[in-house]
Amino acid sequence: MRIVIAGAGGVGGYYGAMLAKAGHEIFFIARGAHLEEIKHQGLMVRSYLGDFSARAQCGRDSSDFGLADLVLVCFKAYHTRSTTGLYAPSVGPKTVVLSLQNGVGADSILAERFGQEKVMGAVAFIGSRVEAPGMVLHTGFGSLALGEMGGRYSDRARELGDMFVQANIKCRVSGDIRKDKFSKMVWNAGFNGICAIVDCSAGEALKSTSTRALIRTAMLEWIAVARGAWVDLDYELADKSIETTEKGGEVIPSMVMDKRNGRLLETEAINGKVIELGVLHKIPTPLNQFIVDILDFHNEKVMSAGGGK
């Protein structure tokens, strides 16, 4: 397949490199030193499953690549709308646009821009980050779930699922990808904000009784508002998410890395979404409100310093 990776960070870099290794024609959209390193040296992946490198085309946008069969959107959630022009030249009548971003709102933005028929839903379960220009560190997990937004099974979903599996990427084709996306948000709502505030990995946060309790409470608030939005999540999913994280490899939530690197945090797409749905369905979300209030201080500093681009 001809595939554009829109955002060659920890998520896009890892999956794109795996697909390139499997023989697909990959185009990475990146910028700065990361782009230059990929262009001249390729992308190196240091993985707990084994290190490897991948060569691929790359650029600041995909205008030189032509039409793609698939676009994996991996930009930060707050850049979803502003970055569509970077890969729009590669979106044709049969192109599938698949978001691997955090949160539950990106798909509607992509559907507005490209049409609902081109957009499929997906969820990525992975611990990875850019360790240095041209290098992705993969520390845990690395699977996907994907499916049609309308909840039906389709030939193109099965074909994409098979393509990922053949590239040694665990992938499940879902008949209810909306529920999967809301389920993934349980993890994000619990770990991302709390770990960003205390500046630690997910595993470290769980070793403390106090932060563990806060993570669980933030998760339960999201589950409550999800159920209010008619997504039938089980409250036990909070404990299951915690248990799975304890058994996995080292995972440093993306907000932690963004905070350490002075970048904007995805609070609006994650904990802010908990608050938004809570207001809509008249369900209190005090802990998530506290998380957003604390982390907005960081975002305001980044914006005032001109770092929100």
Protein backbone atom coordinates (compact mmCIF):
# COMPACT_ATOMS: atom_id res chain seq x y z
CA MET A 1 0.00 0.00 0.00
CA ARG A 2 0.95 3.65 -0.42
CA ILE A 3 0.66 5.13 3.08
CA VAL A 4 1.12 8.63 4.45
CA ILE A 5 2.08 8.87 8.12
CA ALA A 6 0.81 12.31 9.12
CA GLY A 7 2.98 12.98 12.15
CA ALA A 8 6.13 10.88 12.63
CA GLY A 9 6.22 11.06 16.43
CA GLY A 10 6.26 8.13 18.81
CA VAL A 11 3.02 6.62 17.52
CA GLY A 12 3.28 7.43 13.82
CA GLY A 13 6.99 6.75 13.76
CA TYR A 14 6.64 3.26 15.22
CA TYR A 15 3.69 2.09 13.12
CA GLY A 16 5.08 3.71 9.99
CA ALA A 17 8.46 2.06 10.47
CA MET A 18 6.81 -1.33 11.00
CA LEU A 19 4.80 -0.89 7.79
CA ALA A 20 7.91 0.23 5.87
CA LYS A 21 9.77 -2.81 7.19
CA ALA A 22 6.96 -4.98 5.80
CA GLY A 23 7.44 -3.52 2.33
CA HIS A 24 4.77 -0.82 2.10
CA GLU A 25 5.53 2.52 0.46
CA ILE A 26 5.64 5.00 3.33
CA PHE A 27 5.78 8.78 3.39
CA PHE A 28 6.48 10.41 6.76
CA ILE A 29 5.32 13.98 7.41
CA ALA A 30 7.71 15.51 9.93
CA ARG A 31 9.65 18.70 10.51
CA GLY A 32 12.89 20.14 11.88
CA ALA A 33 15.80 17.97 12.91
CA HIS A 34 13.58 14.89 13.07
CA LEU A 35 12.70 15.30 9.37
CA GLU A 36 16.32 15.87 8.37
CA GLU A 37 17.49 12.77 10.22
CA ILE A 38 14.77 10.60 8.65
CA LYS A 39 15.61 12.01 5.22
CA HIS A 40 19.34 11.26 5.43
CA GLN A 41 19.63 8.33 7.84
CA GLY A 42 16.18 6.74 7.98
CA LEU A 43 14.09 6.19 11.10
CA MET A 44 15.61 4.11 13.90
CA VAL A 45 13.28 2.25 16.28
CA ARG A 46 14.69 1.09 19.61
CA SER A 47 12.13 -1.46 20.77
CA TYR A 48 11.82 -3.86 23.68
CA LEU A 49 10.89 -6.37 20.97
CA GLY A 50 14.10 -5.76 19.03
CA ASP A 51 15.70 -2.74 17.36
CA PHE A 52 15.34 -2.01 13.64
CA SER A 53 15.53 0.86 11.17
CA ALA A 54 13.39 1.87 8.20
CA ARG A 55 13.95 3.95 5.10
CA ALA A 56 11.03 5.93 3.72
CA GLN A 57 10.15 9.06 1.81
CA CYS A 58 9.49 12.13 3.93
CA GLY A 59 8.75 15.83 3.87
CA ARG A 60 6.94 18.69 5.59
CA ASP A 61 3.81 17.78 3.59
CA SER A 62 2.79 15.02 1.21
CA SER A 63 2.46 17.11 -1.96
CA ASP A 64 5.35 15.24 -3.61
CA PHE A 65 3.98 11.79 -2.76
CA GLY A 66 0.75 11.75 -4.73
CA LEU A 67 -2.40 9.84 -3.84
CA ALA A 68 -2.29 7.38 -0.95
CA ASP A 69 -4.31 4.28 -0.16
CA LEU A 70 -4.17 5.12 3.55
CA VAL A 71 -3.40 8.13 5.73
CA LEU A 72 -2.57 7.50 9.38
CA VAL A 73 -3.23 10.74 11.26
CA CYS A 74 -0.92 10.90 14.27
CA PHE A 75 -0.63 14.62 15.00
CA LYS A 76 -1.52 15.97 18.44
CA ALA A 77 -5.29 16.21 18.86
CA TYR A 78 -5.21 20.01 19.16
CA HIS A 79 -3.58 20.19 15.69
CA THR A 80 -6.15 17.97 13.95
CA ARG A 81 -7.95 20.76 12.10
CA SER A 82 -4.89 22.89 11.33
CA THR A 83 -2.83 20.07 9.79
CA THR A 84 -5.28 18.56 7.29
CA GLY A 85 -3.75 20.63 4.50
CA LEU A 86 -0.39 18.89 4.98
CA TYR A 87 -1.73 15.58 3.65
CA ALA A 88 -4.87 16.65 1.76
CA PRO A 89 -3.00 16.35 -1.61
CA SER A 90 -2.72 12.61 -0.95
CA VAL A 91 -6.41 12.03 -0.15
CA GLY A 92 -8.24 10.75 -3.21
CA PRO A 93 -11.63 9.11 -3.81
CA LYS A 94 -10.51 5.73 -2.42
CA THR A 95 -8.15 6.91 0.33
CA VAL A 96 -8.92 5.79 3.89
CA VAL A 97 -8.16 8.34 6.61
CA LEU A 98 -7.47 6.70 9.96
CA SER A 99 -6.81 8.68 13.15
CA LEU A 100 -4.54 7.20 15.82
CA GLN A 101 -4.85 10.33 17.97
CA ASN A 102 -5.86 10.68 21.59
CA GLY A 103 -9.43 11.56 22.50
CA VAL A 104 -12.78 10.92 20.84
CA GLY A 105 -13.27 14.05 18.72
CA ALA A 106 -10.77 13.88 15.85
CA ASP A 107 -12.88 11.65 13.59
CA SER A 108 -15.66 14.21 13.28
CA ILE A 109 -13.15 16.91 12.32
CA LEU A 110 -11.63 14.65 9.66
CA ALA A 111 -15.09 13.74 8.35
CA GLU A 112 -15.93 17.43 7.97
CA ARG A 113 -12.78 17.95 5.90
CA PHE A 114 -12.67 14.78 3.79
CA GLY A 115 -16.16 13.26 3.99
CA GLN A 116 -17.48 10.62 6.37
CA GLU A 117 -17.08 7.86 3.79
CA LYS A 118 -13.27 8.21 3.85
CA VAL A 119 -12.86 8.16 7.63
CA MET A 120 -12.53 5.04 9.74
CA GLY A 121 -12.04 4.88 13.50
CA ALA A 122 -9.00 3.43 15.24
CA VAL A 123 -7.40 3.10 18.65
CA ALA A 124 -3.68 2.63 19.30
CA PHE A 125 -2.38 0.88 22.41
CA ILE A 126 1.32 1.68 22.61
CA GLY A 127 4.08 3.12 24.74
CA SER A 128 6.47 5.00 22.45
CA ARG A 129 8.12 8.38 22.07
CA VAL A 130 10.70 10.26 20.03
CA GLU A 131 13.94 9.77 21.97
CA ALA A 132 16.11 11.85 19.62
CA PRO A 133 15.84 13.18 16.05
CA GLY A 134 15.34 10.17 13.80
CA MET A 135 14.88 7.77 16.72
CA VAL A 136 11.70 6.33 18.27
CA LEU A 137 11.81 4.48 21.59
CA HIS A 138 9.16 1.73 21.85
CA THR A 139 8.70 0.64 25.47
CA GLY A 140 5.38 -1.23 25.65
CA PHE A 141 2.40 -2.70 23.85
CA GLY A 142 1.94 -1.82 20.14
CA SER A 143 -1.50 -3.02 19.02
CA LEU A 144 -4.43 -1.46 17.17
CA ALA A 145 -8.19 -1.71 16.89
CA LEU A 146 -9.98 -0.31 13.85
CA GLY A 147 -13.46 -0.25 12.42
CA GLU A 148 -16.13 1.63 10.54
CA MET A 149 -17.58 4.56 12.46
CA GLY A 150 -21.11 3.30 11.77
CA GLY A 151 -20.39 0.06 13.61
CA ARG A 152 -20.59 -2.33 10.68
CA TYR A 153 -17.94 -4.76 9.46
CA SER A 154 -16.60 -3.99 5.98
CA ASP A 155 -14.22 -5.45 3.42
CA ARG A 156 -11.89 -2.46 3.66
CA ALA A 157 -11.71 -2.80 7.45
CA ARG A 158 -10.81 -6.48 7.13
CA GLU A 159 -8.22 -5.70 4.44
CA LEU A 160 -6.58 -3.04 6.59
CA GLY A 161 -6.66 -5.33 9.60
CA ASP A 162 -4.94 -8.06 7.60
CA MET A 163 -2.37 -5.56 6.31
CA PHE A 164 -1.37 -4.57 9.86
CA VAL A 165 -1.26 -8.18 11.05
CA GLN A 166 0.97 -9.15 8.13
CA ALA A 167 3.30 -6.32 9.22
CA ASN A 168 3.55 -7.97 12.69
CA ILE A 169 1.26 -5.38 14.26
CA LYS A 170 -1.48 -6.84 16.43
CA CYS A 171 -4.76 -5.53 15.06
CA ARG A 172 -8.40 -6.26 15.86
CA VAL A 173 -11.26 -5.31 13.54
CA SER A 174 -14.04 -3.93 15.72
CA GLY A 175 -17.78 -3.87 15.23
CA ASP A 176 -18.11 -1.00 17.73
CA ILE A 177 -15.07 1.25 17.34
CA ARG A 178 -16.86 4.13 19.10
CA LYS A 179 -17.04 2.05 22.26
CA ASP A 180 -13.38 1.09 21.81
CA LYS A 181 -12.40 4.76 21.58
CA PHE A 182 -14.39 5.59 24.71
CA SER A 183 -12.76 2.61 26.44
CA LYS A 184 -9.26 3.81 25.53
CA MET A 185 -10.15 7.20 27.01
CA VAL A 186 -10.47 5.50 30.40
CA TRP A 187 -6.69 5.04 30.39
CA ASN A 188 -5.98 8.52 29.06
CA ALA A 189 -8.31 10.28 31.48
CA GLY A 190 -6.70 8.50 34.40
CA PHE A 191 -3.01 8.44 33.59
CA ASN A 192 -2.18 11.35 31.30
CA GLY A 193 -3.21 14.30 33.46
CA ILE A 194 -2.19 12.89 36.85
CA CYS A 195 1.21 11.72 35.59
CA ALA A 196 1.81 15.09 33.92
CA ILE A 197 1.11 16.89 37.20
CA VAL A 198 3.45 14.70 39.29
CA ASP A 199 5.92 14.12 36.40
CA CYS A 200 6.27 10.36 36.42
CA SER A 201 5.61 7.21 34.40
CA ALA A 202 2.33 5.32 34.65
CA GLY A 203 3.98 2.55 36.65
CA GLU A 204 5.54 4.97 39.13
CA ALA A 205 2.19 6.68 39.71
CA LEU A 206 0.57 3.34 40.56
CA LYS A 207 3.14 2.63 43.28
CA SER A 208 1.75 5.49 45.36
CA THR A 209 -1.55 4.88 47.17
CA SER A 210 -2.62 8.49 46.73
CA THR A 211 -1.88 8.90 43.01
CA ARG A 212 -3.30 5.43 42.31
CA ALA A 213 -6.58 6.49 43.93
CA LEU A 214 -6.63 9.74 41.93
CA ILE A 215 -6.06 7.86 38.67
CA ARG A 216 -8.91 5.50 39.45
CA THR A 217 -11.27 8.36 40.38
CA ALA A 218 -10.49 10.26 37.18
CA MET A 219 -11.24 7.09 35.22
CA LEU A 220 -14.54 6.53 37.01
CA GLU A 221 -15.63 10.09 36.21
CA TRP A 222 -15.05 9.40 32.50
CA ILE A 223 -16.92 6.10 32.65
CA ALA A 224 -19.86 7.87 34.28
CA VAL A 225 -20.08 10.53 31.55
CA ALA A 226 -19.56 7.90 28.82
CA ARG A 227 -22.54 5.98 30.16
CA GLY A 228 -24.44 9.27 30.19
CA ALA A 229 -23.59 9.56 26.48
CA TRP A 230 -25.07 6.08 25.88
CA VAL A 231 -21.73 4.27 25.63
CA ASP A 232 -22.08 1.21 27.84
CA LEU A 233 -18.73 1.07 29.65
CA ASP A 234 -18.37 -1.16 32.70
CA TYR A 235 -17.10 0.54 35.86
CA GLU A 236 -14.73 -2.41 36.29
CA LEU A 237 -12.82 -1.11 33.26
CA ALA A 238 -10.99 1.32 35.56
CA ASP A 239 -9.45 -1.49 37.62
CA LYS A 240 -8.77 -3.56 34.50
CA SER A 241 -6.90 -0.65 32.90
CA ILE A 242 -4.78 -0.23 36.00
CA GLU A 243 -4.01 -3.95 36.20
CA THR A 244 -3.04 -4.12 32.51
CA THR A 245 -0.72 -1.15 32.91
CA GLU A 246 1.01 -2.75 35.89
CA LYS A 247 1.71 -5.86 33.82
CA GLY A 248 2.97 -3.97 30.74
CA GLY A 249 6.31 -2.35 30.00
CA GLU A 250 7.37 1.15 30.92
CA VAL A 251 4.81 3.68 29.68
CA ILE A 252 5.41 7.40 30.03
CA PRO A 253 2.13 9.12 29.09
CA SER A 254 2.34 11.51 26.17
CA MET A 255 1.36 14.50 28.31
CA VAL A 256 4.35 13.88 30.56
CA MET A 257 6.76 13.99 27.60
CA ASP A 258 5.01 17.07 26.18
CA LYS A 259 5.28 18.87 29.53
CA ARG A 260 8.97 17.98 29.89
CA ASN A 261 9.62 19.29 26.38
CA GLY A 262 7.69 22.51 26.87
CA ARG A 263 4.92 21.62 24.43
CA LEU A 264 1.17 22.13 24.67
CA LEU A 265 -0.72 19.40 26.52
CA GLU A 266 -3.78 17.61 25.12
CA THR A 267 -5.89 18.50 28.15
CA GLU A 268 -8.82 19.71 26.05
CA ALA A 269 -9.03 16.46 24.09
CA ILE A 270 -8.70 14.24 27.16
CA ASN A 271 -9.65 15.56 30.61
CA GLY A 272 -11.43 18.51 29.02
CA LYS A 273 -13.66 16.09 27.11
CA VAL A 274 -14.65 14.50 30.44
CA ILE A 275 -15.76 17.92 31.66
CA GLU A 276 -17.56 18.72 28.40
CA LEU A 277 -19.65 15.55 28.47
CA GLY A 278 -20.18 15.93 32.20
CA VAL A 279 -21.74 19.37 31.70
CA LEU A 280 -23.82 18.08 28.77
CA HIS A 281 -25.23 15.17 30.77
CA LYS A 282 -25.29 16.92 34.18
CA ILE A 283 -22.70 14.57 35.74
CA PRO A 284 -20.12 16.07 38.15
CA THR A 285 -16.45 15.70 37.17
CA PRO A 286 -14.58 17.57 39.93
CA LEU A 287 -11.25 15.72 39.69
CA ASN A 288 -10.98 16.12 35.93
CA GLN A 289 -11.85 19.80 36.37
CA PHE A 290 -9.01 20.11 38.89
CA ILE A 291 -6.60 18.37 36.49
CA VAL A 292 -7.48 20.76 33.68
CA ASP A 293 -7.23 23.80 35.96
CA ILE A 294 -3.72 22.78 37.04
CA LEU A 295 -2.41 21.88 33.58
CA ASP A 296 -3.95 24.92 31.89
CA PHE A 297 -1.29 26.94 33.76
CA HIS A 298 1.37 25.07 31.76
CA ASN A 299 -0.52 25.55 28.48
CA GLU A 300 -0.91 29.27 29.12
CA LYS A 301 2.85 29.59 29.66
CA VAL A 302 3.57 27.69 26.43
CA MET A 303 1.14 29.86 24.47
CA SER A 304 2.53 33.10 25.89
CA ALA A 305 6.02 31.97 24.88
CA GLY A 306 4.81 31.30 21.33
CA GLY A 307 5.13 27.53 21.64
CA GLY A 308 1.59 26.58 20.67
CA LYS A 309 2.21 26.14 16.96
